[in-house]
Amino acid sequence: MVDNATTDSDDTTPKTDGETTAAAGDIHATYAETAGERRLSFDRDGQTAVVAQNSEGYAMLRVRQQADGDELERYYGFDMALDHAAELLGVDPNGLPVPEAAADMGM
């Protein structure tokens, strides 16, 4: 299955009026939807990890170090993508705050 058409879009214009955020300790999470994908970004002490999925919500999740950065890995499961994001930030995956709007990411 080819799912690059929508996730590799350069269009980063938000589809919604706002973003959903959450925080836990020194980790800040931001969920946003663009015309091409859904993005869950985690920031901690200057480090970023991003979990992205195409806007249709059926493709594999991509983990990146920046919103528009190169893909590091793909995952079917949201938990596995969160594990990788936590590893990039040097934190426990259970400590990552996930905004409610992003809770349904993954297959």
N, C-alpha and C. Protein backbone atom coordinates (compact mmCIF):
# COMPACT_ATOMS: atom_id res chain seq x y z
N MET A 1 0.84 -1.17 0.00
CA MET A 1 0.00 0.00 0.00
C MET A 1 0.88 1.24 0.00
N VAL A 2 0.64 2.14 -0.90
CA VAL A 2 1.40 3.38 -0.98
C VAL A 2 0.60 4.45 -0.26
N ASP A 3 1.24 5.07 0.76
CA ASP A 3 0.53 6.09 1.52
C ASP A 3 1.31 7.40 1.58
N ASN A 4 2.28 7.56 0.70
CA ASN A 4 3.11 8.76 0.72
C ASN A 4 2.44 9.99 0.15
N ALA A 5 1.42 9.82 -0.66
CA ALA A 5 0.84 10.94 -1.37
C ALA A 5 0.35 12.05 -0.43
N THR A 6 -0.28 11.69 0.66
CA THR A 6 -0.80 12.73 1.53
C THR A 6 0.15 13.09 2.66
N THR A 7 0.97 12.18 3.11
CA THR A 7 1.84 12.48 4.23
C THR A 7 3.07 13.27 3.83
N ASP A 8 3.45 13.22 2.58
CA ASP A 8 4.63 13.94 2.15
C ASP A 8 4.29 15.33 1.60
N SER A 9 3.07 15.76 1.80
CA SER A 9 2.63 17.06 1.32
C SER A 9 3.42 18.18 1.97
N ASP A 10 3.70 19.21 1.20
CA ASP A 10 4.36 20.39 1.74
C ASP A 10 3.36 21.35 2.36
N ASP A 11 2.06 21.11 2.21
CA ASP A 11 1.04 21.98 2.74
C ASP A 11 0.95 21.81 4.25
N THR A 12 1.30 22.82 4.98
CA THR A 12 1.25 22.76 6.44
C THR A 12 0.20 23.71 7.00
N THR A 13 -0.74 24.13 6.15
CA THR A 13 -1.79 25.02 6.60
C THR A 13 -2.74 24.25 7.51
N PRO A 14 -2.96 24.73 8.74
CA PRO A 14 -3.85 24.02 9.66
C PRO A 14 -5.26 23.91 9.10
N LYS A 15 -5.88 22.75 9.23
CA LYS A 15 -7.25 22.55 8.81
C LYS A 15 -8.23 22.99 9.89
N THR A 16 -7.77 23.06 11.11
CA THR A 16 -8.63 23.45 12.21
C THR A 16 -8.22 24.82 12.72
N ASP A 17 -9.09 25.45 13.49
CA ASP A 17 -8.81 26.78 14.01
C ASP A 17 -7.75 26.76 15.10
N GLY A 18 -7.56 25.65 15.77
CA GLY A 18 -6.61 25.63 16.86
C GLY A 18 -5.93 24.29 17.00
N GLU A 19 -5.05 24.22 17.96
CA GLU A 19 -4.33 22.99 18.25
C GLU A 19 -4.73 22.52 19.63
N THR A 20 -4.56 21.26 19.86
CA THR A 20 -4.83 20.70 21.17
C THR A 20 -3.49 20.42 21.83
N THR A 21 -3.34 20.84 23.07
CA THR A 21 -2.08 20.66 23.77
C THR A 21 -2.27 19.94 25.09
N ALA A 22 -1.18 19.39 25.59
CA ALA A 22 -1.15 18.73 26.90
C ALA A 22 0.27 18.85 27.41
N ALA A 23 0.42 18.75 28.72
CA ALA A 23 1.76 18.82 29.31
C ALA A 23 1.84 17.88 30.50
N ALA A 24 3.03 17.38 30.72
CA ALA A 24 3.33 16.54 31.89
C ALA A 24 4.78 16.82 32.25
N GLY A 25 4.98 17.42 33.41
CA GLY A 25 6.35 17.77 33.80
C GLY A 25 6.96 18.72 32.80
N ASP A 26 8.13 18.36 32.28
CA ASP A 26 8.80 19.23 31.32
C ASP A 26 8.54 18.84 29.86
N ILE A 27 7.52 18.00 29.64
CA ILE A 27 7.17 17.57 28.27
C ILE A 27 5.90 18.29 27.84
N HIS A 28 5.96 18.92 26.69
CA HIS A 28 4.81 19.63 26.14
C HIS A 28 4.41 18.93 24.84
N ALA A 29 3.12 18.61 24.68
CA ALA A 29 2.63 17.95 23.48
C ALA A 29 1.67 18.88 22.74
N THR A 30 1.79 18.88 21.42
CA THR A 30 0.91 19.68 20.58
C THR A 30 0.38 18.80 19.46
N TYR A 31 -0.95 18.78 19.30
CA TYR A 31 -1.59 18.04 18.22
C TYR A 31 -2.12 19.06 17.21
N ALA A 32 -1.85 18.83 15.93
CA ALA A 32 -2.35 19.71 14.88
C ALA A 32 -2.69 18.88 13.65
N GLU A 33 -3.65 19.38 12.87
CA GLU A 33 -4.00 18.76 11.60
C GLU A 33 -3.68 19.74 10.49
N THR A 34 -3.03 19.25 9.46
CA THR A 34 -2.76 20.05 8.27
C THR A 34 -3.58 19.45 7.13
N ALA A 35 -3.46 20.00 5.96
CA ALA A 35 -4.18 19.46 4.81
C ALA A 35 -3.71 18.05 4.46
N GLY A 36 -2.48 17.70 4.85
CA GLY A 36 -1.94 16.40 4.46
C GLY A 36 -1.79 15.39 5.57
N GLU A 37 -1.69 15.85 6.83
CA GLU A 37 -1.47 14.88 7.89
C GLU A 37 -1.88 15.39 9.27
N ARG A 38 -1.93 14.44 10.17
CA ARG A 38 -2.15 14.71 11.59
C ARG A 38 -0.78 14.62 12.26
N ARG A 39 -0.46 15.57 13.14
CA ARG A 39 0.85 15.58 13.79
C ARG A 39 0.72 15.73 15.29
N LEU A 40 1.44 14.87 15.99
CA LEU A 40 1.55 14.96 17.44
C LEU A 40 3.01 15.23 17.74
N SER A 41 3.30 16.44 18.21
CA SER A 41 4.68 16.85 18.48
C SER A 41 4.93 16.91 19.97
N PHE A 42 6.05 16.37 20.38
CA PHE A 42 6.48 16.42 21.78
C PHE A 42 7.74 17.26 21.86
N ASP A 43 7.79 18.16 22.83
CA ASP A 43 8.97 18.99 23.05
C ASP A 43 9.43 18.82 24.49
N ARG A 44 10.74 18.68 24.65
CA ARG A 44 11.34 18.57 25.99
C ARG A 44 12.76 19.09 25.94
N ASP A 45 13.03 20.11 26.70
CA ASP A 45 14.39 20.65 26.82
C ASP A 45 15.07 20.87 25.46
N GLY A 46 14.35 21.45 24.52
CA GLY A 46 14.93 21.74 23.21
C GLY A 46 14.93 20.57 22.24
N GLN A 47 14.50 19.40 22.68
CA GLN A 47 14.42 18.21 21.82
C GLN A 47 12.97 18.06 21.34
N THR A 48 12.81 17.59 20.12
CA THR A 48 11.48 17.38 19.56
C THR A 48 11.36 15.97 18.99
N ALA A 49 10.18 15.40 19.15
CA ALA A 49 9.84 14.13 18.52
C ALA A 49 8.42 14.29 17.98
N VAL A 50 8.20 13.85 16.74
CA VAL A 50 6.92 14.02 16.09
C VAL A 50 6.40 12.67 15.61
N VAL A 51 5.12 12.41 15.89
CA VAL A 51 4.43 11.24 15.38
C VAL A 51 3.43 11.79 14.36
N ALA A 52 3.50 11.32 13.12
CA ALA A 52 2.64 11.84 12.06
C ALA A 52 1.90 10.71 11.36
N GLN A 53 0.69 11.04 10.92
CA GLN A 53 -0.15 10.07 10.21
C GLN A 53 -0.88 10.84 9.11
N ASN A 54 -1.18 10.18 7.99
CA ASN A 54 -1.88 10.91 6.94
C ASN A 54 -3.24 11.36 7.45
N SER A 55 -3.80 12.37 6.82
CA SER A 55 -5.03 12.98 7.32
C SER A 55 -6.24 12.05 7.26
N GLU A 56 -6.16 11.02 6.42
CA GLU A 56 -7.26 10.05 6.36
C GLU A 56 -7.22 9.11 7.56
N GLY A 57 -6.09 9.03 8.23
CA GLY A 57 -5.98 8.28 9.47
C GLY A 57 -5.83 6.78 9.32
N TYR A 58 -5.51 6.27 8.13
CA TYR A 58 -5.39 4.82 7.99
C TYR A 58 -3.97 4.35 7.73
N ALA A 59 -3.06 5.23 7.49
CA ALA A 59 -1.70 4.84 7.13
C ALA A 59 -0.84 4.62 8.37
N MET A 60 0.32 4.08 8.13
CA MET A 60 1.26 3.86 9.22
C MET A 60 1.69 5.20 9.82
N LEU A 61 2.07 5.16 11.08
CA LEU A 61 2.56 6.34 11.77
C LEU A 61 4.04 6.52 11.47
N ARG A 62 4.45 7.74 11.31
CA ARG A 62 5.85 8.06 11.05
C ARG A 62 6.41 8.79 12.25
N VAL A 63 7.63 8.48 12.61
CA VAL A 63 8.30 9.18 13.70
C VAL A 63 9.43 9.99 13.10
N ARG A 64 9.48 11.26 13.50
CA ARG A 64 10.49 12.19 13.01
C ARG A 64 11.06 12.97 14.19
N GLN A 65 12.14 13.67 13.97
CA GLN A 65 12.68 14.54 15.00
C GLN A 65 12.16 15.96 14.86
N GLN A 66 11.55 16.28 13.73
CA GLN A 66 10.95 17.58 13.49
C GLN A 66 9.71 17.37 12.64
N ALA A 67 8.78 18.33 12.69
CA ALA A 67 7.53 18.20 11.93
C ALA A 67 7.78 17.95 10.46
N ASP A 68 8.74 18.64 9.87
CA ASP A 68 9.03 18.48 8.45
C ASP A 68 10.33 17.72 8.20
N GLY A 69 10.81 17.04 9.22
CA GLY A 69 12.07 16.31 9.12
C GLY A 69 11.92 14.97 8.42
N ASP A 70 13.06 14.32 8.26
CA ASP A 70 13.08 13.00 7.64
C ASP A 70 12.47 11.96 8.56
N GLU A 71 11.79 11.02 7.94
CA GLU A 71 11.19 9.92 8.68
C GLU A 71 12.29 9.03 9.25
N LEU A 72 12.17 8.71 10.52
CA LEU A 72 13.13 7.80 11.16
C LEU A 72 12.64 6.36 11.13
N GLU A 73 11.32 6.20 11.30
CA GLU A 73 10.74 4.85 11.36
C GLU A 73 9.24 4.95 11.14
N ARG A 74 8.62 3.81 10.72
CA ARG A 74 7.16 3.71 10.57
C ARG A 74 6.64 2.62 11.50
N TYR A 75 5.45 2.85 12.01
CA TYR A 75 4.81 1.89 12.91
C TYR A 75 3.33 1.78 12.60
N TYR A 76 2.77 0.59 12.81
CA TYR A 76 1.33 0.41 12.73
C TYR A 76 0.68 0.87 14.03
N GLY A 77 1.30 0.57 15.14
CA GLY A 77 0.70 0.84 16.44
C GLY A 77 1.12 2.17 17.03
N PHE A 78 0.17 2.86 17.60
CA PHE A 78 0.42 4.14 18.25
C PHE A 78 1.38 3.96 19.43
N ASP A 79 1.20 2.89 20.20
CA ASP A 79 2.07 2.65 21.35
C ASP A 79 3.54 2.51 20.94
N MET A 80 3.78 1.82 19.83
CA MET A 80 5.15 1.65 19.37
C MET A 80 5.74 2.98 18.91
N ALA A 81 4.94 3.81 18.25
CA ALA A 81 5.41 5.12 17.82
C ALA A 81 5.71 5.99 19.04
N LEU A 82 4.86 5.91 20.07
CA LEU A 82 5.10 6.67 21.29
C LEU A 82 6.36 6.20 21.99
N ASP A 83 6.62 4.89 21.97
CA ASP A 83 7.85 4.36 22.56
C ASP A 83 9.08 4.99 21.90
N HIS A 84 9.05 5.07 20.56
CA HIS A 84 10.17 5.64 19.83
C HIS A 84 10.31 7.14 20.13
N ALA A 85 9.19 7.85 20.16
CA ALA A 85 9.22 9.29 20.49
C ALA A 85 9.81 9.50 21.88
N ALA A 86 9.41 8.67 22.83
CA ALA A 86 9.92 8.79 24.20
C ALA A 86 11.42 8.51 24.23
N GLU A 87 11.86 7.54 23.46
CA GLU A 87 13.30 7.23 23.39
C GLU A 87 14.08 8.43 22.87
N LEU A 88 13.55 9.10 21.84
CA LEU A 88 14.22 10.28 21.30
C LEU A 88 14.33 11.40 22.33
N LEU A 89 13.34 11.49 23.21
CA LEU A 89 13.34 12.54 24.24
C LEU A 89 14.01 12.11 25.54
N GLY A 90 14.33 10.82 25.65
CA GLY A 90 14.96 10.32 26.86
C GLY A 90 14.02 10.24 28.06
N VAL A 91 12.76 9.87 27.79
CA VAL A 91 11.77 9.77 28.86
C VAL A 91 11.04 8.43 28.79
N ASP A 92 10.29 8.14 29.84
CA ASP A 92 9.45 6.95 29.89
C ASP A 92 8.23 7.19 28.99
N PRO A 93 7.88 6.23 28.13
CA PRO A 93 6.72 6.40 27.25
C PRO A 93 5.42 6.69 28.03
N ASN A 94 5.31 6.16 29.22
CA ASN A 94 4.11 6.40 30.02
C ASN A 94 4.02 7.84 30.51
N GLY A 95 5.12 8.57 30.42
CA GLY A 95 5.13 9.96 30.84
C GLY A 95 4.78 10.95 29.74
N LEU A 96 4.57 10.45 28.51
CA LEU A 96 4.22 11.35 27.41
C LEU A 96 2.76 11.78 27.52
N PRO A 97 2.51 13.07 27.54
CA PRO A 97 1.12 13.55 27.56
C PRO A 97 0.54 13.46 26.16
N VAL A 98 -0.62 12.85 26.00
CA VAL A 98 -1.26 12.72 24.69
C VAL A 98 -2.58 13.49 24.73
N PRO A 99 -2.68 14.58 23.96
CA PRO A 99 -3.93 15.32 23.91
C PRO A 99 -5.08 14.42 23.46
N GLU A 100 -6.27 14.67 23.95
CA GLU A 100 -7.42 13.84 23.63
C GLU A 100 -7.66 13.69 22.13
N ALA A 101 -7.45 14.76 21.37
CA ALA A 101 -7.69 14.72 19.93
C ALA A 101 -6.75 13.76 19.20
N ALA A 102 -5.62 13.42 19.81
CA ALA A 102 -4.63 12.53 19.19
C ALA A 102 -4.76 11.09 19.66
N ALA A 103 -5.63 10.82 20.59
CA ALA A 103 -5.72 9.50 21.22
C ALA A 103 -6.10 8.39 20.24
N ASP A 104 -6.69 8.72 19.10
CA ASP A 104 -7.13 7.70 18.16
C ASP A 104 -6.15 7.48 17.00
N MET A 105 -4.94 8.00 17.11
CA MET A 105 -3.97 7.80 16.04
C MET A 105 -3.50 6.34 16.03
N GLY A 106 -3.12 5.87 14.86
CA GLY A 106 -2.67 4.49 14.73
C GLY A 106 -3.74 3.63 14.10
N MET A 107 -3.39 2.36 13.90
CA MET A 107 -4.33 1.46 13.24
C MET A 107 -5.00 0.55 14.23
